[in-house]
């Protein structure tokens, strides 16, 4: 199963593609889609839509996982992020991909084991889990973490009574 993880953002949208082979997860690709901060909102959203469509066409994932929007102190920022997220979801759905949604806390719980992990901790665990030689950029690391969370069945999202723990790890 090939999974596309998406970390939506209006300025930078991170993406990460992994392959799940049995219990193993393997890195395929990651990167960022950068929009022109001076461009009108509609063009920035089109850039995200087109960029992710190209990623889907190139890497042929079978499923997508995207981070949910968290509510910022600034309502305008939250609305803009929501629009970027909508463009990302449209790119996946237009390609016929099922889309799973996870909160940042669920992603961090699944990848790091702690829902309030720092960005640096997420980067380090993504590097280790995917056996990368270097830390991916934060946007790409968050997208890869989202894909990893989905590959693990979104275990961070399960209530404790539905999880089994063996040797300190959720299984």
N, C-alpha and C. Protein backbone atom coordinates (compact mmCIF):
# COMPACT_ATOMS: atom_id res chain seq x y z
N UNK A 1 0.85 -1.17 0.00
CA UNK A 1 0.00 0.00 0.00
C UNK A 1 0.89 1.23 0.00
N UNK A 2 0.65 2.14 -0.91
CA UNK A 2 1.40 3.40 -0.98
C UNK A 2 0.52 4.51 -0.44
N UNK A 3 1.07 5.31 0.48
CA UNK A 3 0.31 6.34 1.19
C UNK A 3 0.95 7.71 0.95
N UNK A 4 0.10 8.68 0.65
CA UNK A 4 0.50 10.07 0.53
C UNK A 4 0.09 10.78 1.81
N UNK A 5 1.06 11.33 2.53
CA UNK A 5 0.79 12.16 3.70
C UNK A 5 0.87 13.61 3.30
N UNK A 6 -0.02 14.43 3.85
CA UNK A 6 -0.06 15.85 3.50
C UNK A 6 -0.10 16.69 4.76
N UNK A 7 0.80 17.67 4.82
CA UNK A 7 0.81 18.67 5.88
C UNK A 7 0.42 20.00 5.22
N UNK A 8 -0.86 20.37 5.29
CA UNK A 8 -1.31 21.54 4.54
C UNK A 8 -0.81 22.86 5.12
N UNK A 9 -0.52 23.77 4.24
CA UNK A 9 -0.13 25.11 4.62
C UNK A 9 -0.29 26.01 3.42
N UNK A 10 -0.63 27.27 3.63
CA UNK A 10 -0.84 28.17 2.50
C UNK A 10 0.48 28.57 1.86
N UNK A 11 1.51 28.77 2.66
CA UNK A 11 2.83 29.13 2.12
C UNK A 11 3.60 27.91 1.67
N UNK A 12 3.61 26.88 2.50
CA UNK A 12 4.30 25.62 2.20
C UNK A 12 3.38 24.47 2.55
N UNK A 13 3.14 23.61 1.61
CA UNK A 13 2.39 22.38 1.86
C UNK A 13 3.39 21.24 1.74
N UNK A 14 3.56 20.49 2.83
CA UNK A 14 4.48 19.38 2.80
C UNK A 14 3.78 18.12 2.31
N UNK A 15 4.54 17.27 1.63
CA UNK A 15 4.00 15.97 1.23
C UNK A 15 5.06 14.90 1.50
N UNK A 16 4.58 13.71 1.75
CA UNK A 16 5.46 12.58 1.96
C UNK A 16 4.78 11.32 1.45
N UNK A 17 5.53 10.50 0.78
CA UNK A 17 4.99 9.26 0.24
C UNK A 17 5.79 8.10 0.82
N UNK A 18 5.05 7.15 1.38
CA UNK A 18 5.67 5.95 1.92
C UNK A 18 4.98 4.72 1.33
N UNK A 19 5.65 3.62 1.45
CA UNK A 19 5.11 2.33 1.02
C UNK A 19 5.04 1.45 2.25
N UNK A 20 3.89 0.82 2.44
CA UNK A 20 3.74 -0.12 3.54
C UNK A 20 3.83 -1.52 2.95
N UNK A 21 4.83 -2.27 3.40
CA UNK A 21 5.06 -3.64 2.95
C UNK A 21 4.97 -4.55 4.16
N UNK A 22 3.79 -5.13 4.37
CA UNK A 22 3.58 -5.91 5.59
C UNK A 22 3.62 -4.98 6.78
N UNK A 23 4.50 -5.27 7.73
CA UNK A 23 4.64 -4.41 8.91
C UNK A 23 5.67 -3.31 8.69
N UNK A 24 6.43 -3.42 7.60
CA UNK A 24 7.50 -2.44 7.34
C UNK A 24 6.96 -1.24 6.57
N UNK A 25 7.57 -0.09 6.83
CA UNK A 25 7.27 1.11 6.06
C UNK A 25 8.56 1.58 5.40
N UNK A 26 8.44 2.00 4.15
CA UNK A 26 9.60 2.37 3.36
C UNK A 26 9.38 3.76 2.77
N UNK A 27 10.41 4.59 2.85
CA UNK A 27 10.37 5.93 2.28
C UNK A 27 10.35 5.86 0.76
N UNK A 28 9.48 6.66 0.14
CA UNK A 28 9.43 6.77 -1.32
C UNK A 28 9.88 8.17 -1.74
N UNK A 29 9.25 9.20 -1.19
CA UNK A 29 9.57 10.58 -1.60
C UNK A 29 8.98 11.56 -0.59
N UNK A 30 9.49 12.77 -0.61
CA UNK A 30 8.90 13.84 0.18
C UNK A 30 9.34 15.17 -0.40
N UNK A 31 8.63 16.22 -0.02
CA UNK A 31 8.98 17.54 -0.50
C UNK A 31 7.97 18.57 -0.04
N UNK A 32 8.04 19.73 -0.68
CA UNK A 32 7.15 20.83 -0.32
C UNK A 32 6.64 21.50 -1.59
N UNK A 33 5.45 22.00 -1.48
CA UNK A 33 4.87 22.81 -2.54
C UNK A 33 4.83 24.22 -1.99
N UNK A 34 5.57 25.11 -2.63
CA UNK A 34 5.68 26.50 -2.17
C UNK A 34 4.78 27.38 -3.03
N UNK A 35 4.01 28.25 -2.37
CA UNK A 35 3.19 29.19 -3.12
C UNK A 35 3.82 30.57 -3.04
N UNK A 36 3.46 31.41 -3.98
CA UNK A 36 3.95 32.78 -4.04
C UNK A 36 3.15 33.62 -3.05
N UNK A 37 3.79 34.09 -2.01
CA UNK A 37 3.13 34.87 -0.97
C UNK A 37 2.53 36.18 -1.46
N UNK A 38 2.96 36.63 -2.64
CA UNK A 38 2.44 37.88 -3.20
C UNK A 38 1.24 37.63 -4.12
N UNK A 39 1.00 36.38 -4.47
CA UNK A 39 -0.08 36.05 -5.41
C UNK A 39 -1.44 36.10 -4.72
N UNK A 40 -2.49 36.31 -5.48
CA UNK A 40 -3.84 36.26 -4.90
C UNK A 40 -4.12 34.86 -4.33
N UNK A 41 -5.01 34.82 -3.35
CA UNK A 41 -5.33 33.57 -2.67
C UNK A 41 -5.74 32.47 -3.65
N UNK A 42 -6.57 32.79 -4.61
CA UNK A 42 -7.04 31.77 -5.57
C UNK A 42 -5.88 31.12 -6.31
N UNK A 43 -4.88 31.90 -6.69
CA UNK A 43 -3.72 31.34 -7.39
C UNK A 43 -2.87 30.48 -6.46
N UNK A 44 -2.77 30.87 -5.21
CA UNK A 44 -2.01 30.08 -4.24
C UNK A 44 -2.69 28.72 -4.02
N UNK A 45 -4.02 28.73 -3.92
CA UNK A 45 -4.75 27.48 -3.76
C UNK A 45 -4.61 26.61 -5.01
N UNK A 46 -4.62 27.23 -6.18
CA UNK A 46 -4.44 26.49 -7.43
C UNK A 46 -3.05 25.85 -7.49
N UNK A 47 -2.05 26.53 -6.95
CA UNK A 47 -0.69 25.98 -6.92
C UNK A 47 -0.65 24.72 -6.06
N UNK A 48 -1.33 24.77 -4.91
CA UNK A 48 -1.38 23.59 -4.03
C UNK A 48 -2.09 22.44 -4.74
N UNK A 49 -3.24 22.74 -5.33
CA UNK A 49 -4.03 21.73 -6.03
C UNK A 49 -3.22 21.08 -7.15
N UNK A 50 -2.60 21.91 -7.99
CA UNK A 50 -1.82 21.41 -9.12
C UNK A 50 -0.59 20.65 -8.64
N UNK A 51 0.10 21.19 -7.65
CA UNK A 51 1.31 20.54 -7.14
C UNK A 51 1.02 19.15 -6.58
N UNK A 52 -0.04 19.03 -5.79
CA UNK A 52 -0.38 17.72 -5.24
C UNK A 52 -0.89 16.78 -6.32
N UNK A 53 -1.58 17.31 -7.32
CA UNK A 53 -2.02 16.46 -8.43
C UNK A 53 -0.81 15.87 -9.15
N UNK A 54 0.24 16.66 -9.31
CA UNK A 54 1.47 16.16 -9.94
C UNK A 54 2.14 15.09 -9.06
N UNK A 55 2.13 15.30 -7.75
CA UNK A 55 2.70 14.31 -6.83
C UNK A 55 1.94 12.99 -6.93
N UNK A 56 0.61 13.07 -6.95
CA UNK A 56 -0.22 11.87 -7.06
C UNK A 56 0.05 11.16 -8.39
N UNK A 57 0.13 11.92 -9.46
CA UNK A 57 0.38 11.32 -10.78
C UNK A 57 1.75 10.64 -10.82
N UNK A 58 2.74 11.27 -10.24
CA UNK A 58 4.11 10.74 -10.29
C UNK A 58 4.29 9.51 -9.41
N UNK A 59 3.74 9.54 -8.18
CA UNK A 59 4.03 8.47 -7.22
C UNK A 59 2.90 7.45 -7.05
N UNK A 60 1.74 7.71 -7.62
CA UNK A 60 0.62 6.76 -7.65
C UNK A 60 0.26 6.17 -6.28
N UNK A 61 -0.01 7.01 -5.27
CA UNK A 61 -0.44 6.46 -3.98
C UNK A 61 -1.85 5.88 -4.10
N UNK A 62 -2.17 4.99 -3.18
CA UNK A 62 -3.51 4.41 -3.16
C UNK A 62 -4.41 5.05 -2.13
N UNK A 63 -3.80 5.76 -1.18
CA UNK A 63 -4.54 6.41 -0.10
C UNK A 63 -3.83 7.70 0.29
N UNK A 64 -4.58 8.58 0.94
CA UNK A 64 -4.00 9.83 1.42
C UNK A 64 -4.38 10.04 2.88
N UNK A 65 -3.47 10.68 3.60
CA UNK A 65 -3.71 11.05 5.00
C UNK A 65 -3.32 12.51 5.15
N UNK A 66 -4.18 13.26 5.83
CA UNK A 66 -3.95 14.71 5.95
C UNK A 66 -4.16 15.13 7.39
N UNK A 67 -3.37 16.11 7.80
CA UNK A 67 -3.51 16.64 9.15
C UNK A 67 -4.72 17.57 9.22
N UNK A 68 -5.46 17.46 10.31
CA UNK A 68 -6.61 18.33 10.52
C UNK A 68 -6.14 19.73 10.92
N UNK A 69 -7.00 20.70 10.70
CA UNK A 69 -6.70 22.08 11.07
C UNK A 69 -6.88 22.23 12.58
N UNK A 70 -5.92 22.89 13.21
CA UNK A 70 -6.09 23.24 14.61
C UNK A 70 -6.49 24.71 14.66
N UNK A 71 -7.21 25.09 15.67
CA UNK A 71 -7.69 26.46 15.77
C UNK A 71 -6.59 27.34 16.35
N UNK A 72 -6.19 28.32 15.56
CA UNK A 72 -5.17 29.28 15.97
C UNK A 72 -5.78 30.37 16.84
N UNK A 73 -4.92 31.15 17.46
CA UNK A 73 -5.36 32.35 18.16
C UNK A 73 -5.92 33.34 17.15
N UNK A 74 -5.33 33.34 15.95
CA UNK A 74 -5.73 34.25 14.90
C UNK A 74 -6.74 33.56 13.98
N UNK A 75 -8.01 33.96 14.01
CA UNK A 75 -9.03 33.31 13.18
C UNK A 75 -8.74 33.40 11.68
N UNK A 76 -8.13 34.49 11.24
CA UNK A 76 -7.81 34.65 9.82
C UNK A 76 -6.82 33.57 9.38
N UNK A 77 -5.81 33.31 10.18
CA UNK A 77 -4.83 32.27 9.86
C UNK A 77 -5.49 30.90 9.79
N UNK A 78 -6.41 30.64 10.70
CA UNK A 78 -7.12 29.37 10.71
C UNK A 78 -7.94 29.20 9.44
N UNK A 79 -8.62 30.26 9.02
CA UNK A 79 -9.42 30.21 7.79
C UNK A 79 -8.53 29.97 6.56
N UNK A 80 -7.41 30.65 6.48
CA UNK A 80 -6.50 30.48 5.35
C UNK A 80 -5.94 29.05 5.32
N UNK A 81 -5.57 28.54 6.48
CA UNK A 81 -5.07 27.17 6.57
C UNK A 81 -6.15 26.18 6.15
N UNK A 82 -7.38 26.44 6.55
CA UNK A 82 -8.50 25.58 6.16
C UNK A 82 -8.70 25.56 4.66
N UNK A 83 -8.49 26.70 4.01
CA UNK A 83 -8.64 26.76 2.56
C UNK A 83 -7.51 25.97 1.88
N UNK A 84 -6.30 26.08 2.40
CA UNK A 84 -5.18 25.31 1.85
C UNK A 84 -5.45 23.81 2.02
N UNK A 85 -5.98 23.45 3.16
CA UNK A 85 -6.32 22.06 3.44
C UNK A 85 -7.40 21.57 2.48
N UNK A 86 -8.38 22.42 2.20
CA UNK A 86 -9.44 22.07 1.26
C UNK A 86 -8.88 21.81 -0.14
N UNK A 87 -7.93 22.63 -0.57
CA UNK A 87 -7.31 22.42 -1.88
C UNK A 87 -6.56 21.10 -1.90
N UNK A 88 -5.89 20.77 -0.80
CA UNK A 88 -5.14 19.51 -0.72
C UNK A 88 -6.09 18.32 -0.76
N UNK A 89 -7.19 18.40 -0.02
CA UNK A 89 -8.18 17.32 -0.02
C UNK A 89 -8.77 17.15 -1.42
N UNK A 90 -9.07 18.26 -2.08
CA UNK A 90 -9.62 18.20 -3.44
C UNK A 90 -8.65 17.51 -4.40
N UNK A 91 -7.36 17.76 -4.26
CA UNK A 91 -6.37 17.12 -5.13
C UNK A 91 -6.41 15.60 -4.94
N UNK A 92 -6.49 15.16 -3.70
CA UNK A 92 -6.53 13.72 -3.43
C UNK A 92 -7.84 13.09 -3.90
N UNK A 93 -8.95 13.72 -3.58
CA UNK A 93 -10.26 13.18 -3.94
C UNK A 93 -10.44 13.18 -5.46
N UNK A 94 -9.95 14.21 -6.13
CA UNK A 94 -10.04 14.27 -7.60
C UNK A 94 -9.29 13.12 -8.26
N UNK A 95 -8.26 12.62 -7.58
CA UNK A 95 -7.49 11.49 -8.10
C UNK A 95 -8.09 10.15 -7.67
N UNK A 96 -9.22 10.22 -6.95
CA UNK A 96 -9.89 9.00 -6.53
C UNK A 96 -9.32 8.36 -5.28
N UNK A 97 -8.53 9.11 -4.52
CA UNK A 97 -7.93 8.56 -3.31
C UNK A 97 -8.86 8.71 -2.11
N UNK A 98 -8.98 7.68 -1.29
CA UNK A 98 -9.66 7.87 -0.01
C UNK A 98 -8.77 8.73 0.88
N UNK A 99 -9.37 9.61 1.66
CA UNK A 99 -8.62 10.53 2.50
C UNK A 99 -8.95 10.29 3.97
N UNK A 100 -7.92 10.01 4.76
CA UNK A 100 -8.06 9.87 6.21
C UNK A 100 -7.55 11.15 6.85
N UNK A 101 -8.18 11.56 7.95
CA UNK A 101 -7.81 12.80 8.62
C UNK A 101 -7.36 12.49 10.05
N UNK A 102 -6.27 13.12 10.46
CA UNK A 102 -5.73 12.91 11.80
C UNK A 102 -5.37 14.25 12.42
N UNK A 103 -5.59 14.37 13.71
CA UNK A 103 -5.17 15.58 14.41
C UNK A 103 -3.65 15.53 14.59
N UNK A 104 -3.06 16.68 14.81
CA UNK A 104 -1.62 16.73 15.04
C UNK A 104 -1.25 15.88 16.26
N UNK A 105 -2.11 15.89 17.26
CA UNK A 105 -1.84 15.10 18.46
C UNK A 105 -1.86 13.60 18.16
N UNK A 106 -2.79 13.15 17.32
CA UNK A 106 -2.85 11.74 16.93
C UNK A 106 -1.60 11.34 16.16
N UNK A 107 -1.17 12.19 15.25
CA UNK A 107 0.03 11.90 14.46
C UNK A 107 1.24 11.78 15.37
N UNK A 108 1.42 12.74 16.25
CA UNK A 108 2.56 12.73 17.16
C UNK A 108 2.52 11.52 18.09
N UNK A 109 1.35 11.17 18.58
CA UNK A 109 1.20 10.00 19.45
C UNK A 109 1.61 8.74 18.71
N UNK A 110 1.19 8.62 17.47
CA UNK A 110 1.48 7.43 16.68
C UNK A 110 2.96 7.32 16.32
N UNK A 111 3.60 8.44 16.02
CA UNK A 111 4.98 8.42 15.54
C UNK A 111 6.00 8.54 16.67
N UNK A 112 5.75 9.43 17.61
CA UNK A 112 6.70 9.70 18.69
C UNK A 112 6.33 8.96 19.98
N UNK A 113 5.02 8.71 20.15
CA UNK A 113 4.57 8.07 21.39
C UNK A 113 4.11 9.08 22.42
N UNK A 114 4.07 10.34 22.02
CA UNK A 114 3.68 11.42 22.92
C UNK A 114 2.97 12.49 22.10
N UNK A 115 1.73 12.77 22.42
CA UNK A 115 0.91 13.68 21.63
C UNK A 115 1.34 15.13 21.63
N UNK A 116 2.19 15.53 22.53
CA UNK A 116 2.66 16.91 22.57
C UNK A 116 4.13 17.02 22.20
N UNK A 117 4.60 16.11 21.36
CA UNK A 117 6.00 16.09 20.93
C UNK A 117 6.34 17.35 20.14
N UNK A 118 7.59 17.74 20.18
CA UNK A 118 8.06 18.90 19.43
C UNK A 118 8.29 18.53 17.96
N UNK A 119 8.42 19.55 17.13
CA UNK A 119 8.70 19.32 15.71
C UNK A 119 10.03 18.58 15.55
N UNK A 120 11.00 18.91 16.38
CA UNK A 120 12.31 18.25 16.31
C UNK A 120 12.19 16.76 16.65
N UNK A 121 11.35 16.43 17.62
CA UNK A 121 11.14 15.02 17.96
C UNK A 121 10.47 14.27 16.82
N UNK A 122 9.51 14.91 16.16
CA UNK A 122 8.85 14.30 15.02
C UNK A 122 9.87 14.06 13.90
N UNK A 123 10.67 15.06 13.61
CA UNK A 123 11.70 14.91 12.57
C UNK A 123 12.64 13.75 12.88
N UNK A 124 13.07 13.66 14.12
CA UNK A 124 14.00 12.59 14.52
C UNK A 124 13.36 11.21 14.37
N UNK A 125 12.12 11.07 14.81
CA UNK A 125 11.46 9.76 14.71
C UNK A 125 11.17 9.39 13.27
N UNK A 126 10.79 10.35 12.45
CA UNK A 126 10.57 10.08 11.02
C UNK A 126 11.88 9.61 10.40
N UNK A 127 12.96 10.29 10.73
CA UNK A 127 14.28 9.90 10.22
C UNK A 127 14.60 8.46 10.62
N UNK A 128 14.37 8.12 11.87
CA UNK A 128 14.68 6.77 12.36
C UNK A 128 13.75 5.72 11.76
N UNK A 129 12.46 5.99 11.77
CA UNK A 129 11.49 5.01 11.29
C UNK A 129 11.67 4.70 9.81
N UNK A 130 12.05 5.71 9.04
CA UNK A 130 12.21 5.53 7.59
C UNK A 130 13.67 5.30 7.18
N UNK A 131 14.55 5.25 8.18
CA UNK A 131 15.98 5.01 7.95
C UNK A 131 16.57 6.01 6.95
N UNK A 132 16.27 7.29 7.19
CA UNK A 132 16.78 8.35 6.33
C UNK A 132 18.17 8.78 6.80
N UNK A 133 18.97 9.30 5.90
CA UNK A 133 20.33 9.73 6.27
C UNK A 133 20.34 11.10 6.93
N UNK A 134 19.27 11.88 6.73
CA UNK A 134 19.19 13.23 7.32
C UNK A 134 17.75 13.53 7.70
N UNK A 135 17.58 14.56 8.52
CA UNK A 135 16.23 14.97 8.89
C UNK A 135 15.54 15.61 7.69
N UNK A 136 14.30 15.22 7.42
CA UNK A 136 13.55 15.93 6.37
C UNK A 136 13.16 17.32 6.87
N UNK A 137 12.87 18.23 5.96
CA UNK A 137 12.37 19.56 6.34
C UNK A 137 11.12 19.38 7.19
N UNK A 138 10.80 20.35 8.05
CA UNK A 138 9.69 20.18 8.99
C UNK A 138 8.37 19.90 8.30
N UNK A 139 8.07 20.58 7.19
CA UNK A 139 6.80 20.35 6.49
C UNK A 139 6.74 18.93 5.92
N UNK A 140 7.84 18.50 5.32
CA UNK A 140 7.90 17.15 4.76
C UNK A 140 7.86 16.11 5.89
N UNK A 141 8.55 16.39 7.00
CA UNK A 141 8.54 15.46 8.13
C UNK A 141 7.14 15.30 8.69
N UNK A 142 6.41 16.40 8.80
CA UNK A 142 5.03 16.32 9.30
C UNK A 142 4.14 15.52 8.35
N UNK A 143 4.35 15.69 7.04
CA UNK A 143 3.58 14.93 6.07
C UNK A 143 3.93 13.45 6.13
N UNK A 144 5.21 13.13 6.24
CA UNK A 144 5.64 11.74 6.37
C UNK A 144 5.08 11.13 7.65
N UNK A 145 5.08 11.92 8.73
CA UNK A 145 4.54 11.44 10.01
C UNK A 145 3.05 11.13 9.87
N UNK A 146 2.33 11.94 9.12
CA UNK A 146 0.91 11.71 8.89
C UNK A 146 0.71 10.39 8.13
N UNK A 147 1.55 10.16 7.12
CA UNK A 147 1.47 8.91 6.35
C UNK A 147 1.82 7.72 7.23
N UNK A 148 2.82 7.87 8.10
CA UNK A 148 3.21 6.79 9.01
C UNK A 148 2.07 6.49 9.97
N UNK A 149 1.44 7.53 10.50
CA UNK A 149 0.29 7.36 11.39
C UNK A 149 -0.79 6.54 10.69
N UNK A 150 -1.06 6.86 9.45
CA UNK A 150 -2.08 6.13 8.68
C UNK A 150 -1.65 4.68 8.45
N UNK A 151 -0.37 4.49 8.15
CA UNK A 151 0.15 3.13 7.93
C UNK A 151 0.01 2.28 9.19
N UNK A 152 0.13 2.92 10.32
CA UNK A 152 -0.02 2.23 11.61
C UNK A 152 -1.48 2.07 12.01
N UNK A 153 -2.36 2.42 11.10
CA UNK A 153 -3.78 2.30 11.39
C UNK A 153 -4.31 3.44 12.22
N UNK A 154 -3.59 4.56 12.26
CA UNK A 154 -4.04 5.71 13.05
C UNK A 154 -4.12 5.38 14.52
N UNK A 155 -3.17 4.56 15.00
CA UNK A 155 -3.25 4.05 16.37
C UNK A 155 -3.33 5.14 17.42
N UNK A 156 -2.78 6.29 17.12
CA UNK A 156 -2.89 7.37 18.09
C UNK A 156 -4.32 7.80 18.30
N UNK A 157 -5.19 7.48 17.35
CA UNK A 157 -6.58 7.89 17.42
C UNK A 157 -7.44 6.93 18.23
N UNK A 158 -6.92 5.75 18.52
CA UNK A 158 -7.73 4.75 19.21
C UNK A 158 -7.83 5.04 20.70
N UNK A 159 -9.00 4.82 21.27
CA UNK A 159 -9.10 4.92 22.72
C UNK A 159 -8.24 3.85 23.36
N UNK A 160 -7.79 4.09 24.57
CA UNK A 160 -6.84 3.19 25.23
C UNK A 160 -7.36 1.77 25.33
N UNK A 161 -8.66 1.56 25.48
CA UNK A 161 -9.17 0.20 25.62
C UNK A 161 -9.09 -0.58 24.32
N UNK A 162 -8.84 0.09 23.18
CA UNK A 162 -8.72 -0.60 21.90
C UNK A 162 -7.26 -0.81 21.49
N UNK A 163 -6.31 -0.33 22.28
CA UNK A 163 -4.90 -0.48 21.97
C UNK A 163 -4.32 -1.63 22.77
N UNK A 164 -3.34 -2.29 22.18
CA UNK A 164 -2.57 -3.28 22.91
C UNK A 164 -1.15 -2.76 22.97
N UNK A 165 -0.53 -2.89 24.10
CA UNK A 165 0.84 -2.43 24.26
C UNK A 165 1.72 -3.64 24.52
N UNK A 166 2.80 -3.76 23.75
CA UNK A 166 3.76 -4.84 23.92
C UNK A 166 5.14 -4.22 23.95
N UNK A 167 5.90 -4.50 24.98
CA UNK A 167 7.27 -3.99 25.12
C UNK A 167 7.30 -2.46 24.97
N UNK A 168 6.31 -1.78 25.54
CA UNK A 168 6.30 -0.33 25.52
C UNK A 168 5.84 0.28 24.22
N UNK A 169 5.44 -0.53 23.24
CA UNK A 169 4.99 -0.02 21.94
C UNK A 169 3.55 -0.39 21.69
N UNK A 170 2.83 0.48 21.02
CA UNK A 170 1.46 0.20 20.65
C UNK A 170 1.48 -0.76 19.48
N UNK A 171 0.73 -1.85 19.57
CA UNK A 171 0.65 -2.83 18.47
C UNK A 171 -0.78 -3.08 18.08
